Amino acid sequence: MNPDLLALRSSPFGALKALLDSIETPAGLTPLSLTIGEPQNQPPGFMKEVLKENDHLYGKYPPVDGSPELRAAIVNWLNRRFDLPTGMIEADRNIVPVNGTKEALYMVAQLLTDRTKTEDKKPTILIPNPYYHVYFGATVMAGAEPVMLDTSADTNFFPDLSLLTDDVLNRCSAFFLCSPSNPQGTIADTEYLSRALKLAKKHDFTLILDECYTEIYDQEAPTGILEICRDLGGSVAQVLTFHSLSKRSSAAGLRSGFIAGDEKLTKALLTLRQFSGAASPLPVCAASAALWNDDNHVALNRTRYKTNMDIAERLLSGRFDFYRPAGGFFLWLNVGDGVEAAKKLWKDAAIRVLPGEYLSTTDENGYNPGAPYIRVAMVFDPEIMEEALSRLANSL
């Protein structure tokens, strides 16, 4: 067995299953799971129509770089969404279509980690704490040293860049950031992203921006890392950004996303995927292109999530350190002890939530920044969310 596997914990959902499956829920209450960031809205109808129109292409092996139409649609969306100049991102140089971003986030750590380094110069990968669990797993399996950067409300739930030492930065091969953040729903501003990019340039590491929630926002559209690159001269060297249709278009089952950025890295990723990655079927490429070309359905999705946040604000304001997240569709609630709260909510209210402790690592002093919190996925229709949050508020 690979010894690196021994350093991995169970996924947060495996840990939750072990925590709750032996607990019976109250009779008469329909169980509701608010654990996974899986949109319950249906994707737009035209997605299915395009899949059907292109179903004759399932008999063809798809190319690993997708279709020209898909790559063009991605570039056009990036230019629209982030106001990029023509030619800054090119379809045949800077884009890697992928089967969702989970596999791609894992794969990029393997690409960026130099396993020949001796132990005292072992590459580091920086990870916000709490974090999306794939960042940690990818780092450990790549043979890099995960450096967990605690976040808190005092730092807008992003790592404090001023605390990074030269030793860590000089060994750094990559820095994972997620904006809007998962699980907290905060947005990294222009100044913060600029500082992070300048650190990447100075210390020669790759800045990885997981921006899969960038189209789910409450008021202001989040700044993207490509806007920072544009304002700093247009180079995307040492930058990779990840986007997906799972959240933007409520199309999690389509398994479609992309990587954009540094040409050397996108070329290397395409080579790596020739050996280890599954290419998206051509009907999926066609449907994905149609989704990236349409912004109207995304605006409707945002309206639905805003309605859910209105409900949360009405029912939870003044409790659990509630704040209205600027982006994404999670609530990050301070309930004192997330594990105990999750058990109580399942036992008393048939509400399943994810303890923040399961999205974080504990340091050598026993501190876990996610321990007081629960993450609540606001992904159902407003009627269901009204019921779920009412039960949550009454139970806790």
Protein backbone atom coordinates (compact mmCIF):
# COMPACT_ATOMS: atom_id res chain seq x y z
CA MET A 1 0.00 0.00 0.00
CA ASN A 2 1.15 3.51 -0.74
CA PRO A 3 2.18 4.90 2.68
CA ASP A 4 0.76 8.27 1.70
CA LEU A 5 -2.70 6.74 1.95
CA LEU A 6 -2.15 6.33 5.68
CA ALA A 7 -1.99 10.13 6.02
CA LEU A 8 -5.43 10.56 4.52
CA ARG A 9 -8.55 10.83 6.59
CA SER A 10 -11.90 9.57 5.47
CA SER A 11 -13.77 12.02 3.30
CA PRO A 12 -15.99 14.38 5.32
CA PHE A 13 -19.04 12.50 4.07
CA GLY A 14 -17.61 9.17 5.15
CA ALA A 15 -17.00 10.61 8.60
CA LEU A 16 -20.54 12.00 8.68
CA LYS A 17 -21.98 8.63 7.74
CA ALA A 18 -20.10 7.01 10.62
CA LEU A 19 -21.36 9.73 12.98
CA LEU A 20 -25.05 9.68 12.11
CA ASP A 21 -26.07 6.38 10.55
CA SER A 22 -26.72 4.67 13.88
CA ILE A 23 -28.97 7.52 15.10
CA GLU A 24 -32.70 7.20 14.50
CA THR A 25 -34.64 10.22 13.30
CA PRO A 26 -38.01 11.28 14.78
CA ALA A 27 -41.09 9.55 13.44
CA GLY A 28 -43.26 11.80 11.31
CA LEU A 29 -40.46 14.05 10.04
CA THR A 30 -39.14 13.69 6.52
CA PRO A 31 -35.33 13.57 6.69
CA LEU A 32 -33.62 16.43 4.84
CA SER A 33 -29.96 16.36 3.88
CA LEU A 34 -28.23 19.76 3.70
CA THR A 35 -24.72 18.34 3.55
CA ILE A 36 -23.61 18.31 -0.09
CA GLY A 37 -23.22 21.25 -2.45
CA GLU A 38 -25.43 19.58 -5.03
CA PRO A 39 -27.90 22.02 -6.63
CA GLN A 40 -31.44 20.72 -6.60
CA ASN A 41 -32.57 23.11 -9.35
CA GLN A 42 -32.92 21.43 -12.72
CA PRO A 43 -30.46 22.46 -15.43
CA PRO A 44 -32.04 24.40 -18.30
CA GLY A 45 -34.11 22.32 -20.68
CA PHE A 46 -31.99 23.17 -23.68
CA MET A 47 -29.09 21.21 -22.18
CA LYS A 48 -31.02 17.96 -22.57
CA GLU A 49 -32.14 18.94 -26.05
CA VAL A 50 -28.54 19.49 -27.16
CA LEU A 51 -27.49 16.16 -25.66
CA LYS A 52 -30.25 14.42 -27.60
CA GLU A 53 -29.44 16.26 -30.84
CA ASN A 54 -25.85 15.06 -30.59
CA ASP A 55 -26.41 11.54 -29.29
CA HIS A 56 -25.13 10.09 -32.56
CA LEU A 57 -21.64 11.20 -31.42
CA TYR A 58 -21.50 8.77 -28.50
CA GLY A 59 -19.93 6.25 -30.85
CA LYS A 60 -16.83 8.39 -31.36
CA TYR A 61 -13.80 8.60 -29.11
CA PRO A 62 -13.71 12.21 -27.86
CA PRO A 63 -10.47 14.21 -27.96
CA VAL A 64 -8.91 15.02 -24.60
CA ASP A 65 -9.06 18.77 -25.34
CA GLY A 66 -12.80 18.71 -26.03
CA SER A 67 -14.29 20.24 -29.14
CA PRO A 68 -13.29 23.53 -30.83
CA GLU A 69 -16.83 24.79 -30.20
CA LEU A 70 -16.55 24.09 -26.47
CA ARG A 71 -13.18 25.79 -26.11
CA ALA A 72 -14.47 28.82 -28.05
CA ALA A 73 -17.57 29.03 -25.83
CA ILE A 74 -15.36 28.90 -22.71
CA VAL A 75 -13.12 31.71 -23.95
CA ASN A 76 -16.13 33.83 -24.92
CA TRP A 77 -17.61 33.35 -21.45
CA LEU A 78 -14.34 34.23 -19.73
CA ASN A 79 -14.06 37.38 -21.83
CA ARG A 80 -17.67 38.38 -21.02
CA ARG A 81 -17.60 37.51 -17.35
CA PHE A 82 -14.19 38.98 -16.50
CA ASP A 83 -13.94 41.70 -19.16
CA LEU A 84 -10.78 40.27 -20.68
CA PRO A 85 -9.16 41.65 -23.82
CA THR A 86 -9.35 39.52 -26.95
CA GLY A 87 -6.36 37.20 -27.17
CA MET A 88 -5.41 37.21 -23.50
CA ILE A 89 -6.92 33.71 -23.20
CA GLU A 90 -6.82 31.61 -26.35
CA ALA A 91 -8.86 28.48 -26.98
CA ASP A 92 -5.96 26.41 -28.29
CA ARG A 93 -3.32 27.57 -25.78
CA ASN A 94 -4.87 28.28 -22.40
CA ILE A 95 -7.90 25.97 -21.98
CA VAL A 96 -8.20 22.38 -20.73
CA PRO A 97 -11.76 20.96 -20.69
CA VAL A 98 -12.19 18.43 -17.87
CA ASN A 99 -14.77 16.03 -16.45
CA GLY A 100 -15.74 18.32 -13.60
CA THR A 101 -13.01 19.97 -11.55
CA LYS A 102 -12.58 17.43 -8.74
CA GLU A 103 -10.37 15.12 -10.81
CA ALA A 104 -8.54 18.09 -12.31
CA LEU A 105 -7.76 19.66 -8.92
CA TYR A 106 -6.31 16.34 -7.83
CA MET A 107 -4.30 15.94 -11.02
CA VAL A 108 -2.71 19.39 -10.97
CA ALA A 109 -1.00 18.67 -7.63
CA GLN A 110 0.63 15.61 -9.20
CA LEU A 111 1.86 17.74 -12.08
CA LEU A 112 3.32 20.52 -9.93
CA THR A 113 5.12 18.47 -7.27
CA ASP A 114 8.79 17.58 -7.76
CA ARG A 115 9.20 14.21 -6.04
CA THR A 116 12.99 14.25 -6.44
CA LYS A 117 13.44 16.89 -3.73
CA THR A 118 15.06 15.69 -0.52
CA GLU A 119 13.08 15.65 2.71
CA ASP A 120 14.50 18.95 4.00
CA LYS A 121 13.48 20.60 0.72
CA LYS A 122 10.20 18.74 0.30
CA PRO A 123 7.75 20.84 -1.75
CA THR A 124 4.93 22.48 0.14
CA ILE A 125 1.37 23.10 -1.03
CA LEU A 126 -0.57 25.78 0.80
CA ILE A 127 -4.17 24.99 1.74
CA PRO A 128 -6.76 27.18 3.50
CA ASN A 129 -8.12 25.57 6.66
CA PRO A 130 -11.11 24.76 6.45
CA TYR A 131 -10.87 23.49 2.89
CA TYR A 132 -12.34 21.36 0.10
CA HIS A 133 -11.08 17.87 0.99
CA VAL A 134 -9.62 17.18 -2.47
CA TYR A 135 -6.91 19.83 -1.90
CA PHE A 136 -5.51 17.88 1.04
CA GLY A 137 -5.81 14.47 -0.59
CA ALA A 138 -4.17 15.70 -3.77
CA THR A 139 -1.27 17.19 -1.80
CA VAL A 140 -0.58 14.08 0.26
CA MET A 141 -0.81 11.76 -2.75
CA ALA A 142 1.53 13.99 -4.75
CA GLY A 143 4.18 13.61 -2.05
CA ALA A 144 4.12 17.27 -1.05
CA GLU A 145 3.87 18.69 2.46
CA PRO A 146 0.44 20.19 3.15
CA VAL A 147 0.75 23.52 4.94
CA MET A 148 -2.58 24.27 6.54
CA LEU A 149 -3.37 27.98 6.83
CA ASP A 150 -6.01 28.61 9.47
CA THR A 151 -8.74 31.08 8.59
CA SER A 152 -11.27 32.90 10.73
CA ALA A 153 -13.88 35.62 10.60
CA ASP A 154 -11.11 38.10 11.47
CA THR A 155 -9.39 37.37 8.13
CA ASN A 156 -12.58 37.19 6.03
CA PHE A 157 -12.04 33.41 6.14
CA PHE A 158 -8.96 33.60 3.91
CA PRO A 159 -5.37 32.79 4.96
CA ASP A 160 -3.38 35.68 6.43
CA LEU A 161 -0.67 36.08 3.78
CA SER A 162 1.53 38.13 6.12
CA LEU A 163 2.12 35.02 8.27
CA LEU A 164 3.74 33.00 5.50
CA THR A 165 7.46 32.47 6.09
CA ASP A 166 10.17 32.52 3.43
CA ASP A 167 11.01 28.89 4.22
CA VAL A 168 7.47 27.76 3.40
CA LEU A 169 7.15 30.04 0.38
CA ASN A 170 10.52 29.11 -1.11
CA ARG A 171 9.57 25.42 -1.02
CA CYS A 172 6.03 26.09 -2.24
CA SER A 173 4.93 24.49 -5.50
CA ALA A 174 1.25 25.50 -5.35
CA PHE A 175 -1.29 27.49 -3.35
CA PHE A 176 -4.94 26.42 -3.41
CA LEU A 177 -7.46 29.23 -2.96
CA CYS A 178 -11.23 29.10 -3.37
CA SER A 179 -13.24 32.28 -3.97
CA PRO A 180 -16.09 32.49 -3.14
CA SER A 181 -14.78 30.37 -0.31
CA ASN A 182 -16.13 26.94 0.52
CA PRO A 183 -17.55 26.57 3.13
CA GLN A 184 -17.74 30.18 4.35
CA GLY A 185 -19.02 32.05 1.27
CA THR A 186 -16.65 35.02 1.50
CA ILE A 187 -15.03 36.68 -1.50
CA ALA A 188 -11.35 37.52 -1.98
CA ASP A 189 -11.01 41.15 -3.02
CA THR A 190 -8.70 42.65 -5.64
CA GLU A 191 -6.02 43.58 -3.12
CA TYR A 192 -5.88 40.10 -1.63
CA LEU A 193 -5.69 38.33 -4.99
CA SER A 194 -3.02 40.74 -6.18
CA ARG A 195 -0.89 40.02 -3.10
CA ALA A 196 -1.29 36.27 -3.60
CA LEU A 197 -0.29 36.51 -7.26
CA LYS A 198 2.75 38.65 -6.47
CA LEU A 199 3.86 36.06 -3.91
CA ALA A 200 3.54 33.36 -6.57
CA LYS A 201 5.73 35.38 -8.93
CA LYS A 202 8.33 36.16 -6.26
CA HIS A 203 8.61 32.63 -4.92
CA ASP A 204 8.01 30.74 -8.16
CA PHE A 205 4.91 28.71 -7.33
CA THR A 206 1.56 28.22 -9.07
CA LEU A 207 -1.49 30.04 -7.77
CA ILE A 208 -4.53 27.78 -8.16
CA LEU A 209 -7.91 29.52 -7.96
CA ASP A 210 -10.91 27.28 -7.51
CA GLU A 211 -13.65 29.61 -8.76
CA CYS A 212 -16.48 27.11 -9.15
CA TYR A 213 -18.87 29.31 -7.11
CA THR A 214 -18.04 32.56 -8.92
CA GLU A 215 -21.46 32.76 -10.62
CA ILE A 216 -23.37 32.21 -7.37
CA TYR A 217 -23.23 35.54 -5.58
CA ASP A 218 -25.55 37.70 -3.52
CA GLN A 219 -24.83 41.27 -4.67
CA GLU A 220 -21.51 41.93 -6.42
CA ALA A 221 -19.89 39.55 -8.89
CA PRO A 222 -16.66 38.20 -7.37
CA THR A 223 -13.37 39.38 -8.81
CA GLY A 224 -11.63 36.62 -10.74
CA ILE A 225 -7.90 35.93 -10.82
CA LEU A 226 -7.85 36.53 -14.58
CA GLU A 227 -8.97 40.12 -13.93
CA ILE A 228 -5.94 40.53 -11.68
CA CYS A 229 -3.71 39.10 -14.41
CA ARG A 230 -5.26 41.53 -16.89
CA ASP A 231 -4.59 44.52 -14.66
CA LEU A 232 -1.00 43.42 -14.01
CA GLY A 233 -0.09 43.26 -17.69
CA GLY A 234 -2.06 40.34 -19.11
CA SER A 235 0.29 37.44 -18.38
CA VAL A 236 -1.30 34.29 -16.95
CA ALA A 237 2.04 32.64 -16.13
CA GLN A 238 1.94 30.69 -12.82
CA VAL A 239 -1.85 30.93 -12.64
CA LEU A 240 -4.52 28.27 -13.11
CA THR A 241 -8.22 28.90 -12.59
CA PHE A 242 -10.86 26.17 -12.35
CA HIS A 243 -14.51 26.55 -13.37
CA SER A 244 -17.40 24.13 -13.51
CA LEU A 245 -20.98 23.87 -14.74
CA SER A 246 -22.03 21.96 -11.62
CA LYS A 247 -22.92 25.03 -9.56
CA ARG A 248 -23.27 27.67 -12.31
CA SER A 249 -25.79 25.69 -14.36
CA SER A 250 -27.07 23.17 -11.77
CA ALA A 251 -25.54 20.47 -13.97
CA ALA A 252 -23.50 18.45 -11.48
CA GLY A 253 -24.23 15.19 -13.30
CA LEU A 254 -22.90 16.51 -16.60
CA ARG A 255 -19.38 16.40 -15.09
CA SER A 256 -18.08 19.29 -17.14
CA GLY A 257 -15.62 22.04 -16.30
CA PHE A 258 -12.36 23.52 -17.43
CA ILE A 259 -8.94 24.81 -16.42
CA ALA A 260 -7.60 28.09 -17.83
CA GLY A 261 -4.24 29.78 -17.45
CA ASP A 262 -0.52 29.29 -17.91
CA GLU A 263 0.15 27.83 -21.38
CA LYS A 264 3.04 25.65 -20.21
CA LEU A 265 0.85 24.13 -17.52
CA THR A 266 -2.23 23.64 -19.69
CA LYS A 267 -0.09 21.88 -22.28
CA ALA A 268 1.40 19.64 -19.60
CA LEU A 269 -2.05 18.90 -18.18
CA LEU A 270 -3.33 17.88 -21.60
CA THR A 271 -0.36 15.52 -21.93
CA LEU A 272 -1.01 14.06 -18.49
CA ARG A 273 -4.69 13.62 -19.31
CA GLN A 274 -3.77 11.66 -22.43
CA PHE A 275 -2.59 8.94 -20.05
CA SER A 276 -4.77 9.29 -16.97
CA GLY A 277 -7.83 11.44 -17.68
CA ALA A 278 -11.20 10.59 -19.21
CA ALA A 279 -12.26 12.88 -22.05
CA SER A 280 -15.76 14.35 -22.09
CA PRO A 281 -18.08 12.66 -24.64
CA LEU A 282 -18.79 14.85 -27.66
CA PRO A 283 -22.51 15.24 -26.82
CA VAL A 284 -21.43 16.53 -23.40
CA CYS A 285 -19.04 18.96 -25.09
CA ALA A 286 -21.92 20.26 -27.22
CA ALA A 287 -24.23 20.66 -24.23
CA SER A 288 -21.47 22.34 -22.22
CA ALA A 289 -20.80 24.82 -25.02
CA ALA A 290 -24.50 25.70 -25.08
CA LEU A 291 -24.47 26.29 -21.30
CA TRP A 292 -21.36 28.50 -21.38
CA ASN A 293 -22.96 30.50 -24.20
CA ASP A 294 -26.08 31.28 -22.13
CA ASP A 295 -26.12 33.55 -19.08
CA ASN A 296 -29.89 33.88 -18.57
CA HIS A 297 -30.34 30.58 -16.73
CA VAL A 298 -27.48 31.53 -14.40
CA ALA A 299 -29.24 34.75 -13.39
CA LEU A 300 -32.36 32.71 -12.56
CA ASN A 301 -30.25 30.42 -10.37
CA ARG A 302 -28.90 33.40 -8.47
CA THR A 303 -32.43 34.65 -7.85
CA ARG A 304 -33.39 31.29 -6.32
CA TYR A 305 -30.39 31.30 -4.01
CA LYS A 306 -31.05 34.89 -2.96
CA THR A 307 -34.57 33.86 -1.97
CA ASN A 308 -33.12 31.08 0.17
CA MET A 309 -30.71 33.51 1.82
CA ASP A 310 -33.63 35.84 2.55
CA ILE A 311 -35.26 32.96 4.43
CA ALA A 312 -32.06 32.24 6.35
CA GLU A 313 -31.63 35.87 7.29
CA ARG A 314 -35.20 36.07 8.57
CA LEU A 315 -34.98 32.87 10.64
CA LEU A 316 -31.37 32.94 11.85
CA SER A 317 -30.31 36.59 12.09
CA GLY A 318 -28.77 37.31 15.48
CA ARG A 319 -28.04 33.63 16.16
CA PHE A 320 -25.04 31.37 15.49
CA ASP A 321 -22.92 34.33 14.29
CA PHE A 322 -25.12 34.37 11.20
CA TYR A 323 -23.97 36.50 8.29
CA ARG A 324 -25.32 36.60 4.77
CA PRO A 325 -22.64 35.00 2.57
CA ALA A 326 -21.42 37.14 -0.32
CA GLY A 327 -21.07 34.11 -2.58
CA GLY A 328 -21.80 30.42 -2.87
CA PHE A 329 -24.81 28.70 -1.35
CA PHE A 330 -23.64 27.53 2.09
CA LEU A 331 -24.30 28.86 5.56
CA TRP A 332 -21.36 28.65 7.98
CA LEU A 333 -22.96 28.72 11.44
CA ASN A 334 -21.14 28.92 14.75
CA VAL A 335 -23.04 26.50 16.98
CA GLY A 336 -20.29 25.98 19.58
CA ASP A 337 -19.65 22.31 18.75
CA GLY A 338 -20.39 21.28 15.18
CA VAL A 339 -20.22 17.54 15.77
CA GLU A 340 -22.65 17.63 18.70
CA ALA A 341 -24.96 20.00 16.83
CA ALA A 342 -25.00 17.67 13.81
CA LYS A 343 -25.96 14.73 16.03
CA LYS A 344 -28.69 16.75 17.75
CA LEU A 345 -30.14 18.05 14.49
CA TRP A 346 -30.34 14.55 13.03
CA LYS A 347 -31.76 13.02 16.22
CA ASP A 348 -34.29 15.76 17.03
CA ALA A 349 -35.10 17.40 13.70
CA ALA A 350 -34.12 14.90 10.96
CA ILE A 351 -31.82 17.55 9.48
CA ARG A 352 -28.45 16.37 8.22
CA VAL A 353 -25.64 18.98 8.18
CA LEU A 354 -21.87 18.74 7.92
CA PRO A 355 -19.72 19.51 10.99
CA GLY A 356 -17.05 22.09 10.22
CA GLU A 357 -14.51 19.89 12.00
CA TYR A 358 -14.77 17.43 9.11
CA LEU A 359 -13.74 20.16 6.65
CA SER A 360 -10.64 21.16 8.63
CA THR A 361 -7.48 19.73 10.12
CA THR A 362 -6.49 19.85 13.79
CA ASP A 363 -3.07 21.24 14.67
CA GLU A 364 -0.56 19.82 17.12
CA ASN A 365 -2.14 21.88 19.91
CA GLY A 366 -5.58 20.39 19.32
CA TYR A 367 -7.01 23.48 17.61
CA ASN A 368 -9.40 22.98 14.72
CA PRO A 369 -10.77 26.20 13.18
CA GLY A 370 -13.90 24.47 11.89
CA ALA A 371 -14.85 22.73 15.13
CA PRO A 372 -17.46 25.27 16.33
CA TYR A 373 -19.26 25.36 12.96
CA ILE A 374 -21.72 23.51 10.80
CA ARG A 375 -22.04 23.87 7.04
CA VAL A 376 -25.59 24.07 5.69
CA ALA A 377 -26.19 23.66 1.95
CA MET A 378 -28.98 25.99 0.80
CA VAL A 379 -29.73 24.03 -2.33
CA PHE A 380 -33.41 23.12 -2.14
CA ASP A 381 -36.49 25.05 -3.23
CA PRO A 382 -37.54 27.86 -0.86
CA GLU A 383 -40.44 25.87 0.60
CA ILE A 384 -38.12 23.07 1.67
CA MET A 385 -35.50 25.51 2.96
CA GLU A 386 -38.15 27.29 5.05
CA GLU A 387 -39.06 23.98 6.67
CA ALA A 388 -35.45 22.87 7.14
CA LEU A 389 -34.19 26.11 8.65
CA SER A 390 -37.20 26.37 10.93
CA ARG A 391 -36.43 22.91 12.29
CA LEU A 392 -32.77 23.83 12.65
CA ALA A 393 -33.51 27.04 14.53
CA ASN A 394 -36.01 25.36 16.86
CA SER A 395 -33.73 22.40 17.57
CA LEU A 396 -30.63 24.43 18.39
